[in-house]
PDB file of all heavy atoms in Angstrom:
ATOM      1  N   ILE A   1      52.089 -52.888 -70.452  1.00  0.00           N
ATOM      2  CA  ILE A   1      52.029 -54.250 -70.651  1.00  0.00           C
ATOM      3  C   ILE A   1      53.350 -54.984 -70.356  1.00  0.00           C
ATOM      4  O   ILE A   1      53.390 -56.013 -69.685  1.00  0.00           O
ATOM      5  CB  ILE A   1      51.553 -54.624 -72.162  1.00  0.00           C
ATOM      6  CG1 ILE A   1      50.048 -54.083 -72.275  1.00  0.00           C
ATOM      7  CG2 ILE A   1      51.656 -56.112 -72.364  1.00  0.00           C
ATOM      8  CD1 ILE A   1      49.683 -54.018 -73.777  1.00  0.00           C
ATOM      9  N   ARG A   2      54.443 -54.380 -70.859  1.00  0.00           N
ATOM     10  CA  ARG A   2      55.775 -54.962 -70.682  1.00  0.00           C
ATOM     11  C   ARG A   2      56.166 -54.934 -69.134  1.00  0.00           C
ATOM     12  O   ARG A   2      56.938 -55.793 -68.734  1.00  0.00           O
ATOM     13  CB  ARG A   2      56.750 -54.199 -71.498  1.00  0.00           C
ATOM     14  CG  ARG A   2      56.534 -54.330 -72.928  1.00  0.00           C
ATOM     15  CD  ARG A   2      57.473 -53.456 -73.797  1.00  0.00           C
ATOM     16  NE  ARG A   2      58.792 -53.739 -73.460  1.00  0.00           N
ATOM     17  CZ  ARG A   2      59.798 -52.836 -73.637  1.00  0.00           C
ATOM     18  NH1 ARG A   2      59.615 -51.734 -74.023  1.00  0.00           N
ATOM     19  NH2 ARG A   2      61.060 -53.314 -73.241  1.00  0.00           N
ATOM     20  N   SER A   3      55.698 -53.915 -68.320  1.00  0.00           N
ATOM     21  CA  SER A   3      56.352 -53.745 -67.105  1.00  0.00           C
ATOM     22  C   SER A   3      55.569 -54.205 -65.891  1.00  0.00           C
ATOM     23  O   SER A   3      56.145 -54.275 -64.824  1.00  0.00           O
ATOM     24  CB  SER A   3      56.795 -52.378 -66.912  1.00  0.00           C
ATOM     25  OG  SER A   3      55.699 -51.358 -67.029  1.00  0.00           O
ATOM     26  N   LYS A   4      54.209 -54.223 -66.092  1.00  0.00           N
ATOM     27  CA  LYS A   4      53.410 -54.484 -64.852  1.00  0.00           C
ATOM     28  C   LYS A   4      52.119 -55.166 -65.193  1.00  0.00           C
ATOM     29  O   LYS A   4      51.685 -55.279 -66.345  1.00  0.00           O
ATOM     30  CB  LYS A   4      53.169 -53.179 -64.098  1.00  0.00           C
ATOM     31  CG  LYS A   4      52.323 -52.210 -64.804  1.00  0.00           C
ATOM     32  CD  LYS A   4      52.166 -50.835 -64.152  1.00  0.00           C
ATOM     33  CE  LYS A   4      51.489 -49.897 -65.118  1.00  0.00           C
ATOM     34  NZ  LYS A   4      51.414 -48.554 -64.442  1.00  0.00           N
ATOM     35  N   GLY A   5      51.397 -55.719 -64.269  1.00  0.00           N
ATOM     36  CA  GLY A   5      50.261 -56.357 -64.413  1.00  0.00           C
ATOM     37  C   GLY A   5      50.350 -57.789 -64.721  1.00  0.00           C
ATOM     38  O   GLY A   5      51.504 -58.262 -64.966  1.00  0.00           O
ATOM     39  N   VAL A   6      49.269 -58.576 -64.951  1.00  0.00           N
ATOM     40  CA  VAL A   6      49.243 -59.823 -65.155  1.00  0.00           C
ATOM     41  C   VAL A   6      48.686 -59.912 -66.659  1.00  0.00           C
ATOM     42  O   VAL A   6      47.594 -59.609 -67.035  1.00  0.00           O
ATOM     43  CB  VAL A   6      48.157 -60.712 -64.245  1.00  0.00           C
ATOM     44  CG1 VAL A   6      48.091 -62.153 -64.704  1.00  0.00           C
ATOM     45  CG2 VAL A   6      48.747 -60.537 -62.905  1.00  0.00           C
ATOM     46  N   HIS A   7      49.636 -60.525 -67.532  1.00  0.00           N
ATOM     47  CA  HIS A   7      49.378 -60.670 -68.942  1.00  0.00           C
ATOM     48  C   HIS A   7      49.869 -62.002 -69.371  1.00  0.00           C
ATOM     49  O   HIS A   7      50.889 -62.566 -68.865  1.00  0.00           O
ATOM     50  CB  HIS A   7      50.015 -59.589 -69.776  1.00  0.00           C
ATOM     51  CG  HIS A   7      49.530 -58.162 -69.436  1.00  0.00           C
ATOM     52  ND1 HIS A   7      48.411 -57.702 -69.834  1.00  0.00           N
ATOM     53  CD2 HIS A   7      50.112 -57.214 -68.659  1.00  0.00           C
ATOM     54  CE1 HIS A   7      48.215 -56.359 -69.376  1.00  0.00           C
ATOM     55  NE2 HIS A   7      49.341 -56.176 -68.695  1.00  0.00           N
ATOM     56  N   GLN A   8      49.345 -62.431 -70.433  1.00  0.00           N
ATOM     57  CA  GLN A   8      49.857 -63.824 -70.954  1.00  0.00           C
ATOM     58  C   GLN A   8      51.106 -63.510 -71.606  1.00  0.00           C
ATOM     59  O   GLN A   8      51.363 -62.459 -72.163  1.00  0.00           O
ATOM     60  CB  GLN A   8      48.804 -64.335 -71.921  1.00  0.00           C
ATOM     61  CG  GLN A   8      47.517 -64.719 -71.353  1.00  0.00           C
ATOM     62  CD  GLN A   8      46.554 -65.278 -72.468  1.00  0.00           C
ATOM     63  OE1 GLN A   8      46.880 -65.658 -73.472  1.00  0.00           O
ATOM     64  NE2 GLN A   8      45.293 -65.491 -72.031  1.00  0.00           N
ATOM     65  N   ALA A   9      51.947 -64.634 -71.575  1.00  0.00           N
ATOM     66  CA  ALA A   9      53.298 -64.414 -72.203  1.00  0.00           C
ATOM     67  C   ALA A   9      53.252 -63.975 -73.661  1.00  0.00           C
ATOM     68  O   ALA A   9      54.168 -63.058 -74.009  1.00  0.00           O
ATOM     69  CB  ALA A   9      54.133 -65.770 -72.145  1.00  0.00           C
ATOM     70  N   ARG A  10      52.336 -64.467 -74.479  1.00  0.00           N
ATOM     71  CA  ARG A  10      52.309 -64.049 -75.803  1.00  0.00           C
ATOM     72  C   ARG A  10      52.058 -62.603 -76.028  1.00  0.00           C
ATOM     73  O   ARG A  10      52.453 -62.035 -76.947  1.00  0.00           O
ATOM     74  CB  ARG A  10      51.471 -64.943 -76.623  1.00  0.00           C
ATOM     75  CG  ARG A  10      49.947 -64.939 -76.304  1.00  0.00           C
ATOM     76  CD  ARG A  10      49.141 -65.765 -77.226  1.00  0.00           C
ATOM     77  NE  ARG A  10      47.871 -66.082 -76.536  1.00  0.00           N
ATOM     78  CZ  ARG A  10      47.444 -67.353 -76.140  1.00  0.00           C
ATOM     79  NH1 ARG A  10      48.309 -68.386 -76.310  1.00  0.00           N
ATOM     80  NH2 ARG A  10      46.389 -67.444 -75.572  1.00  0.00           N
ATOM     81  N   GLU A  11      51.060 -62.037 -75.076  1.00  0.00           N
ATOM     82  CA  GLU A  11      50.856 -60.687 -75.113  1.00  0.00           C
ATOM     83  C   GLU A  11      52.031 -59.912 -74.810  1.00  0.00           C
ATOM     84  O   GLU A  11      52.365 -58.855 -75.471  1.00  0.00           O
ATOM     85  CB  GLU A  11      49.680 -60.319 -74.102  1.00  0.00           C
ATOM     86  CG  GLU A  11      48.421 -60.987 -74.535  1.00  0.00           C
ATOM     87  CD  GLU A  11      47.337 -60.846 -73.437  1.00  0.00           C
ATOM     88  OE1 GLU A  11      47.518 -60.409 -72.410  1.00  0.00           O
ATOM     89  OE2 GLU A  11      46.089 -61.197 -73.756  1.00  0.00           O
ATOM     90  N   VAL A  12      52.880 -60.265 -73.842  1.00  0.00           N
ATOM     91  CA  VAL A  12      53.972 -59.475 -73.497  1.00  0.00           C
ATOM     92  C   VAL A  12      55.004 -59.591 -74.662  1.00  0.00           C
ATOM     93  O   VAL A  12      55.658 -58.602 -74.827  1.00  0.00           O
ATOM     94  CB  VAL A  12      54.690 -60.071 -72.175  1.00  0.00           C
ATOM     95  CG1 VAL A  12      55.979 -59.476 -71.925  1.00  0.00           C
ATOM     96  CG2 VAL A  12      53.638 -59.861 -71.020  1.00  0.00           C
ATOM     97  N   ASN A  13      55.177 -60.817 -75.184  1.00  0.00           N
ATOM     98  CA  ASN A  13      56.139 -60.872 -76.293  1.00  0.00           C
ATOM     99  C   ASN A  13      55.654 -59.886 -77.498  1.00  0.00           C
ATOM    100  O   ASN A  13      56.463 -59.238 -78.137  1.00  0.00           O
ATOM    101  CB  ASN A  13      56.135 -62.392 -76.871  1.00  0.00           C
ATOM    102  CG  ASN A  13      57.271 -63.111 -76.250  1.00  0.00           C
ATOM    103  OD1 ASN A  13      58.154 -62.540 -75.582  1.00  0.00           O
ATOM    104  ND2 ASN A  13      57.250 -64.448 -76.544  1.00  0.00           N
ATOM    105  N   ARG A  14      54.386 -59.835 -77.736  1.00  0.00           N
ATOM    106  CA  ARG A  14      53.812 -59.035 -78.805  1.00  0.00           C
ATOM    107  C   ARG A  14      54.224 -57.621 -78.406  1.00  0.00           C
ATOM    108  O   ARG A  14      54.614 -56.744 -79.363  1.00  0.00           O
ATOM    109  CB  ARG A  14      52.434 -59.281 -79.015  1.00  0.00           C
ATOM    110  CG  ARG A  14      52.023 -60.583 -79.639  1.00  0.00           C
ATOM    111  CD  ARG A  14      50.553 -60.813 -79.754  1.00  0.00           C
ATOM    112  NE  ARG A  14      50.277 -62.223 -80.039  1.00  0.00           N
ATOM    113  CZ  ARG A  14      49.094 -62.766 -79.744  1.00  0.00           C
ATOM    114  NH1 ARG A  14      48.234 -61.979 -79.096  1.00  0.00           N
ATOM    115  NH2 ARG A  14      48.887 -63.985 -80.066  1.00  0.00           N
ATOM    116  N   ALA A  15      53.923 -57.175 -77.247  1.00  0.00           N
ATOM    117  CA  ALA A  15      54.228 -55.810 -76.871  1.00  0.00           C
ATOM    118  C   ALA A  15      55.796 -55.531 -76.999  1.00  0.00           C
ATOM    119  O   ALA A  15      56.166 -54.464 -77.470  1.00  0.00           O
ATOM    120  CB  ALA A  15      53.901 -55.597 -75.374  1.00  0.00           C
ATOM    121  N   HIS A  16      56.613 -56.447 -76.774  1.00  0.00           N
ATOM    122  CA  HIS A  16      58.093 -56.310 -76.913  1.00  0.00           C
ATOM    123  C   HIS A  16      58.309 -56.180 -78.456  1.00  0.00           C
ATOM    124  O   HIS A  16      59.175 -55.207 -78.835  1.00  0.00           O
ATOM    125  CB  HIS A  16      58.829 -57.656 -76.402  1.00  0.00           C
ATOM    126  CG  HIS A  16      59.048 -57.633 -74.896  1.00  0.00           C
ATOM    127  ND1 HIS A  16      59.566 -56.513 -74.059  1.00  0.00           N
ATOM    128  CD2 HIS A  16      58.718 -58.519 -74.071  1.00  0.00           C
ATOM    129  CE1 HIS A  16      59.674 -56.928 -72.886  1.00  0.00           C
ATOM    130  NE2 HIS A  16      59.028 -58.061 -72.784  1.00  0.00           N
ATOM    131  N   VAL A  17      57.708 -56.970 -79.261  1.00  0.00           N
ATOM    132  CA  VAL A  17      57.950 -56.976 -80.780  1.00  0.00           C
ATOM    133  C   VAL A  17      57.649 -55.477 -81.218  1.00  0.00           C
ATOM    134  O   VAL A  17      58.432 -54.792 -81.947  1.00  0.00           O
ATOM    135  CB  VAL A  17      57.096 -57.964 -81.486  1.00  0.00           C
ATOM    136  CG1 VAL A  17      57.283 -57.708 -82.974  1.00  0.00           C
ATOM    137  CG2 VAL A  17      57.713 -59.441 -81.210  1.00  0.00           C
ATOM    138  N   LEU A  18      56.423 -54.906 -80.814  1.00  0.00           N
ATOM    139  CA  LEU A  18      56.025 -53.624 -81.304  1.00  0.00           C
ATOM    140  C   LEU A  18      56.958 -52.598 -80.699  1.00  0.00           C
ATOM    141  O   LEU A  18      57.407 -51.632 -81.546  1.00  0.00           O
ATOM    142  CB  LEU A  18      54.598 -53.259 -80.791  1.00  0.00           C
ATOM    143  CG  LEU A  18      53.505 -54.089 -81.450  1.00  0.00           C
ATOM    144  CD1 LEU A  18      52.230 -53.747 -80.835  1.00  0.00           C
ATOM    145  CD2 LEU A  18      53.475 -53.981 -82.881  1.00  0.00           C
ATOM    146  N   SER A  19      57.429 -52.684 -79.515  1.00  0.00           N
ATOM    147  CA  SER A  19      58.372 -51.633 -78.983  1.00  0.00           C
ATOM    148  C   SER A  19      59.800 -51.728 -79.781  1.00  0.00           C
ATOM    149  O   SER A  19      60.254 -50.758 -80.070  1.00  0.00           O
ATOM    150  CB  SER A  19      58.601 -51.907 -77.458  1.00  0.00           C
ATOM    151  OG  SER A  19      59.518 -51.155 -76.980  1.00  0.00           O
ATOM    152  N   CYS A  20      60.178 -52.896 -79.990  1.00  0.00           N
ATOM    153  CA  CYS A  20      61.462 -53.047 -80.830  1.00  0.00           C
ATOM    154  C   CYS A  20      61.388 -52.508 -82.199  1.00  0.00           C
ATOM    155  O   CYS A  20      62.220 -51.866 -82.754  1.00  0.00           O
ATOM    156  CB  CYS A  20      61.868 -54.485 -80.866  1.00  0.00           C
ATOM    157  SG  CYS A  20      62.462 -55.066 -79.267  1.00  0.00           S
ATOM    158  N   LEU A  21      60.162 -52.778 -82.847  1.00  0.00           N
ATOM    159  CA  LEU A  21      59.917 -52.285 -84.232  1.00  0.00           C
ATOM    160  C   LEU A  21      59.851 -50.731 -84.192  1.00  0.00           C
ATOM    161  O   LEU A  21      60.344 -50.100 -85.221  1.00  0.00           O
ATOM    162  CB  LEU A  21      58.668 -52.845 -84.859  1.00  0.00           C
ATOM    163  CG  LEU A  21      58.750 -54.435 -85.160  1.00  0.00           C
ATOM    164  CD1 LEU A  21      57.484 -54.959 -85.604  1.00  0.00           C
ATOM    165  CD2 LEU A  21      59.832 -54.671 -86.220  1.00  0.00           C
ATOM    166  N   ASP A  22      59.374 -50.278 -83.175  1.00  0.00           N
ATOM    167  CA  ASP A  22      59.194 -48.753 -83.088  1.00  0.00           C
ATOM    168  C   ASP A  22      60.530 -48.097 -82.947  1.00  0.00           C
ATOM    169  O   ASP A  22      60.722 -47.075 -83.403  1.00  0.00           O
ATOM    170  CB  ASP A  22      58.369 -48.447 -81.880  1.00  0.00           C
ATOM    171  CG  ASP A  22      58.191 -46.974 -81.754  1.00  0.00           C
ATOM    172  OD1 ASP A  22      57.657 -46.319 -82.725  1.00  0.00           O
ATOM    173  OD2 ASP A  22      58.188 -46.406 -80.588  1.00  0.00           O
ATOM    174  N   ARG A  23      61.461 -48.894 -82.396  1.00  0.00           N
ATOM    175  CA  ARG A  23      62.852 -48.366 -82.187  1.00  0.00           C
ATOM    176  C   ARG A  23      63.772 -48.771 -83.265  1.00  0.00           C
ATOM    177  O   ARG A  23      65.041 -48.609 -83.228  1.00  0.00           O
ATOM    178  CB  ARG A  23      63.366 -48.772 -80.822  1.00  0.00           C
ATOM    179  CG  ARG A  23      62.709 -48.177 -79.725  1.00  0.00           C
ATOM    180  CD  ARG A  23      63.201 -48.561 -78.379  1.00  0.00           C
ATOM    181  NE  ARG A  23      62.702 -49.885 -78.090  1.00  0.00           N
ATOM    182  CZ  ARG A  23      63.328 -50.842 -77.348  1.00  0.00           C
ATOM    183  NH1 ARG A  23      64.495 -50.516 -76.819  1.00  0.00           N
ATOM    184  NH2 ARG A  23      62.803 -52.015 -77.148  1.00  0.00           N
ATOM    185  N   ASP A  24      63.196 -49.326 -84.412  1.00  0.00           N
ATOM    186  CA  ASP A  24      64.077 -49.753 -85.582  1.00  0.00           C
ATOM    187  C   ASP A  24      65.000 -50.862 -85.209  1.00  0.00           C
ATOM    188  O   ASP A  24      66.175 -50.890 -85.860  1.00  0.00           O
ATOM    189  CB  ASP A  24      64.647 -48.572 -86.284  1.00  0.00           C
ATOM    190  CG  ASP A  24      63.584 -47.637 -86.848  1.00  0.00           C
ATOM    191  OD1 ASP A  24      62.583 -47.994 -87.343  1.00  0.00           O
ATOM    192  OD2 ASP A  24      63.926 -46.393 -86.864  1.00  0.00           O
ATOM    193  N   ILE A  25      64.697 -51.756 -84.344  1.00  0.00           N
ATOM    194  CA  ILE A  25      65.621 -52.729 -84.166  1.00  0.00           C
ATOM    195  C   ILE A  25      65.374 -53.871 -85.250  1.00  0.00           C
ATOM    196  O   ILE A  25      64.238 -54.200 -85.459  1.00  0.00           O
ATOM    197  CB  ILE A  25      65.318 -53.342 -82.716  1.00  0.00           C
ATOM    198  CG1 ILE A  25      65.769 -52.368 -81.630  1.00  0.00           C
ATOM    199  CG2 ILE A  25      66.124 -54.712 -82.427  1.00  0.00           C
ATOM    200  CD1 ILE A  25      65.437 -52.756 -80.303  1.00  0.00           C
ATOM    201  N   PRO A  26      66.447 -54.444 -85.768  1.00  0.00           N
ATOM    202  CA  PRO A  26      66.227 -55.348 -86.915  1.00  0.00           C
ATOM    203  C   PRO A  26      65.507 -56.654 -86.450  1.00  0.00           C
ATOM    204  O   PRO A  26      65.575 -57.044 -85.343  1.00  0.00           O
ATOM    205  CB  PRO A  26      67.598 -55.704 -87.321  1.00  0.00           C
ATOM    206  CG  PRO A  26      68.445 -54.623 -86.787  1.00  0.00           C
ATOM    207  CD  PRO A  26      67.719 -54.109 -85.627  1.00  0.00           C
ATOM    208  N   GLU A  27      64.601 -57.159 -87.375  1.00  0.00           N
ATOM    209  CA  GLU A  27      63.904 -58.301 -87.130  1.00  0.00           C
ATOM    210  C   GLU A  27      64.759 -59.558 -86.561  1.00  0.00           C
ATOM    211  O   GLU A  27      64.391 -60.281 -85.682  1.00  0.00           O
ATOM    212  CB  GLU A  27      63.167 -58.853 -88.372  1.00  0.00           C
ATOM    213  CG  GLU A  27      61.969 -57.917 -88.802  1.00  0.00           C
ATOM    214  CD  GLU A  27      61.264 -58.473 -90.036  1.00  0.00           C
ATOM    215  OE1 GLU A  27      61.660 -59.439 -90.551  1.00  0.00           O
ATOM    216  OE2 GLU A  27      60.331 -57.786 -90.438  1.00  0.00           O
ATOM    217  N   SER A  28      65.927 -59.737 -87.085  1.00  0.00           N
ATOM    218  CA  SER A  28      66.744 -60.860 -86.755  1.00  0.00           C
ATOM    219  C   SER A  28      67.096 -60.705 -85.236  1.00  0.00           C
ATOM    220  O   SER A  28      67.195 -61.671 -84.623  1.00  0.00           O
ATOM    221  CB  SER A  28      68.094 -60.851 -87.653  1.00  0.00           C
ATOM    222  OG  SER A  28      68.732 -59.552 -87.552  1.00  0.00           O
ATOM    223  N   GLU A  29      67.375 -59.406 -84.787  1.00  0.00           N
ATOM    224  CA  GLU A  29      67.771 -59.234 -83.359  1.00  0.00           C
ATOM    225  C   GLU A  29      66.481 -59.443 -82.382  1.00  0.00           C
ATOM    226  O   GLU A  29      66.589 -60.159 -81.432  1.00  0.00           O
ATOM    227  CB  GLU A  29      68.283 -57.850 -83.144  1.00  0.00           C
ATOM    228  CG  GLU A  29      69.560 -57.648 -83.603  1.00  0.00           C
ATOM    229  CD  GLU A  29      70.258 -56.298 -83.200  1.00  0.00           C
ATOM    230  OE1 GLU A  29      70.011 -55.829 -82.108  1.00  0.00           O
ATOM    231  OE2 GLU A  29      70.816 -55.663 -84.071  1.00  0.00           O
ATOM    232  N   ILE A  30      65.335 -59.080 -82.944  1.00  0.00           N
ATOM    233  CA  ILE A  30      64.158 -59.321 -82.169  1.00  0.00           C
ATOM    234  C   ILE A  30      63.847 -60.872 -82.042  1.00  0.00           C
ATOM    235  O   ILE A  30      63.620 -61.338 -80.927  1.00  0.00           O
ATOM    236  CB  ILE A  30      62.883 -58.594 -82.854  1.00  0.00           C
ATOM    237  CG1 ILE A  30      63.096 -57.148 -82.991  1.00  0.00           C
ATOM    238  CG2 ILE A  30      61.591 -58.936 -82.119  1.00  0.00           C
ATOM    239  CD1 ILE A  30      62.096 -56.406 -83.851  1.00  0.00           C
ATOM    240  N   MET A  31      64.073 -61.525 -83.148  1.00  0.00           N
ATOM    241  CA  MET A  31      63.775 -62.980 -83.058  1.00  0.00           C
ATOM    242  C   MET A  31      64.710 -63.664 -82.184  1.00  0.00           C
ATOM    243  O   MET A  31      64.411 -64.609 -81.425  1.00  0.00           O
ATOM    244  CB  MET A  31      63.825 -63.548 -84.573  1.00  0.00           C
ATOM    245  CG  MET A  31      62.774 -63.052 -85.394  1.00  0.00           C
ATOM    246  SD  MET A  31      62.849 -63.701 -87.058  1.00  0.00           S
ATOM    247  CE  MET A  31      64.411 -63.518 -87.621  1.00  0.00           C
ATOM    248  N   ALA A  32      65.962 -63.302 -82.317  1.00  0.00           N
ATOM    249  CA  ALA A  32      67.141 -63.990 -81.459  1.00  0.00           C
ATOM    250  C   ALA A  32      66.889 -63.680 -79.919  1.00  0.00           C
ATOM    251  O   ALA A  32      66.897 -64.688 -79.160  1.00  0.00           O
ATOM    252  CB  ALA A  32      68.515 -63.489 -81.878  1.00  0.00           C
ATOM    253  N   VAL A  33      66.673 -62.484 -79.624  1.00  0.00           N
ATOM    254  CA  VAL A  33      66.336 -62.123 -78.117  1.00  0.00           C
ATOM    255  C   VAL A  33      65.140 -62.748 -77.537  1.00  0.00           C
ATOM    256  O   VAL A  33      65.163 -63.244 -76.419  1.00  0.00           O
ATOM    257  CB  VAL A  33      66.452 -60.606 -77.963  1.00  0.00           C
ATOM    258  CG1 VAL A  33      65.987 -60.232 -76.455  1.00  0.00           C
ATOM    259  CG2 VAL A  33      67.735 -60.063 -78.368  1.00  0.00           C
ATOM    260  N   LEU A  34      64.066 -62.681 -78.400  1.00  0.00           N
ATOM    261  CA  LEU A  34      62.735 -63.088 -77.818  1.00  0.00           C
ATOM    262  C   LEU A  34      62.641 -64.554 -78.009  1.00  0.00           C
ATOM    263  O   LEU A  34      61.560 -65.132 -77.462  1.00  0.00           O
ATOM    264  CB  LEU A  34      61.536 -62.349 -78.394  1.00  0.00           C
ATOM    265  CG  LEU A  34      61.523 -60.747 -78.077  1.00  0.00           C
ATOM    266  CD1 LEU A  34      60.434 -60.098 -78.780  1.00  0.00           C
ATOM    267  CD2 LEU A  34      61.350 -60.666 -76.529  1.00  0.00           C
ATOM    268  N   GLY A  35      63.354 -65.134 -78.785  1.00  0.00           N
ATOM    269  CA  GLY A  35      63.190 -66.625 -79.141  1.00  0.00           C
ATOM    270  C   GLY A  35      61.810 -66.880 -79.929  1.00  0.00           C
ATOM    271  O   GLY A  35      61.252 -67.944 -79.693  1.00  0.00           O
ATOM    272  N   ILE A  36      61.555 -66.004 -80.833  1.00  0.00           N
ATOM    273  CA  ILE A  36      60.363 -66.202 -81.685  1.00  0.00           C
ATOM    274  C   ILE A  36      60.711 -66.243 -83.168  1.00  0.00           C
ATOM    275  O   ILE A  36      61.818 -65.920 -83.469  1.00  0.00           O
ATOM    276  CB  ILE A  36      59.300 -65.103 -81.457  1.00  0.00           C
ATOM    277  CG1 ILE A  36      59.866 -63.726 -81.737  1.00  0.00           C
ATOM    278  CG2 ILE A  36      58.776 -65.069 -79.993  1.00  0.00           C
ATOM    279  CD1 ILE A  36      59.008 -62.652 -81.786  1.00  0.00           C
ATOM    280  N   GLY A  37      59.833 -66.777 -83.911  1.00  0.00           N
ATOM    281  CA  GLY A  37      60.122 -66.835 -85.306  1.00  0.00           C
ATOM    282  C   GLY A  37      59.621 -65.570 -86.140  1.00  0.00           C
ATOM    283  O   GLY A  37      59.007 -64.591 -85.648  1.00  0.00           O
ATOM    284  N   ARG A  38      60.103 -65.498 -87.408  1.00  0.00           N
ATOM    285  CA  ARG A  38      59.855 -64.310 -88.240  1.00  0.00           C
ATOM    286  C   ARG A  38      58.306 -64.118 -88.408  1.00  0.00           C
ATOM    287  O   ARG A  38      57.909 -62.997 -88.480  1.00  0.00           O
ATOM    288  CB  ARG A  38      60.553 -64.599 -89.595  1.00  0.00           C
ATOM    289  CG  ARG A  38      60.466 -63.371 -90.464  1.00  0.00           C
ATOM    290  CD  ARG A  38      61.263 -63.610 -91.736  1.00  0.00           C
ATOM    291  NE  ARG A  38      62.582 -63.883 -91.464  1.00  0.00           N
ATOM    292  CZ  ARG A  38      63.622 -62.922 -91.348  1.00  0.00           C
ATOM    293  NH1 ARG A  38      63.362 -61.761 -91.418  1.00  0.00           N
ATOM    294  NH2 ARG A  38      64.906 -63.265 -91.118  1.00  0.00           N
ATOM    295  N   THR A  39      57.559 -65.275 -88.439  1.00  0.00           N
ATOM    296  CA  THR A  39      56.173 -65.139 -88.630  1.00  0.00           C
ATOM    297  C   THR A  39      55.546 -64.357 -87.521  1.00  0.00           C
ATOM    298  O   THR A  39      54.628 -63.536 -87.766  1.00  0.00           O
ATOM    299  CB  THR A  39      55.536 -66.564 -88.816  1.00  0.00           C
ATOM    300  OG1 THR A  39      56.101 -67.235 -89.916  1.00  0.00           O
ATOM    301  CG2 THR A  39      54.119 -66.367 -89.115  1.00  0.00           C
ATOM    302  N   ALA A  40      55.952 -64.533 -86.352  1.00  0.00           N
ATOM    303  CA  ALA A  40      55.418 -63.912 -85.239  1.00  0.00           C
ATOM    304  C   ALA A  40      55.602 -62.274 -85.301  1.00  0.00           C
ATOM    305  O   ALA A  40      54.713 -61.542 -84.946  1.00  0.00           O
ATOM    306  CB  ALA A  40      55.912 -64.472 -83.877  1.00  0.00           C
ATOM    307  N   VAL A  41      56.783 -61.944 -85.734  1.00  0.00           N
ATOM    308  CA  VAL A  41      57.130 -60.615 -85.878  1.00  0.00           C
ATOM    309  C   VAL A  41      56.284 -59.975 -86.981  1.00  0.00           C
ATOM    310  O   VAL A  41      55.682 -58.942 -86.867  1.00  0.00           O
ATOM    311  CB  VAL A  41      58.635 -60.411 -86.321  1.00  0.00           C
ATOM    312  CG1 VAL A  41      58.944 -58.958 -86.569  1.00  0.00           C
ATOM    313  CG2 VAL A  41      59.432 -60.900 -85.171  1.00  0.00           C
ATOM    314  N   TRP A  42      56.102 -60.674 -88.103  1.00  0.00           N
ATOM    315  CA  TRP A  42      55.253 -60.173 -89.214  1.00  0.00           C
ATOM    316  C   TRP A  42      53.847 -60.044 -88.791  1.00  0.00           C
ATOM    317  O   TRP A  42      53.257 -59.097 -89.175  1.00  0.00           O
ATOM    318  CB  TRP A  42      55.456 -61.133 -90.407  1.00  0.00           C
ATOM    319  CG  TRP A  42      56.701 -61.138 -91.142  1.00  0.00           C
ATOM    320  CD1 TRP A  42      57.735 -60.222 -90.953  1.00  0.00           C
ATOM    321  CD2 TRP A  42      57.192 -62.077 -92.014  1.00  0.00           C
ATOM    322  NE1 TRP A  42      58.717 -60.571 -91.739  1.00  0.00           N
ATOM    323  CE2 TRP A  42      58.481 -61.662 -92.420  1.00  0.00           C
ATOM    324  CE3 TRP A  42      56.627 -63.198 -92.628  1.00  0.00           C
ATOM    325  CZ2 TRP A  42      59.252 -62.464 -93.389  1.00  0.00           C
ATOM    326  CZ3 TRP A  42      57.288 -63.941 -93.571  1.00  0.00           C
ATOM    327  CH2 TRP A  42      58.666 -63.482 -93.980  1.00  0.00           C
TER     328      TRP A  42
END
């Protein structure tokens, strides 16, 4: 989802969030890099 194909931006962002959470990246870094709010991560 993150690397190829045609997906909506929100789907790609959600995939990025899950990937980051899997790698134990702090929520604050995820929010800063992706430009999303804490609620989207939750």
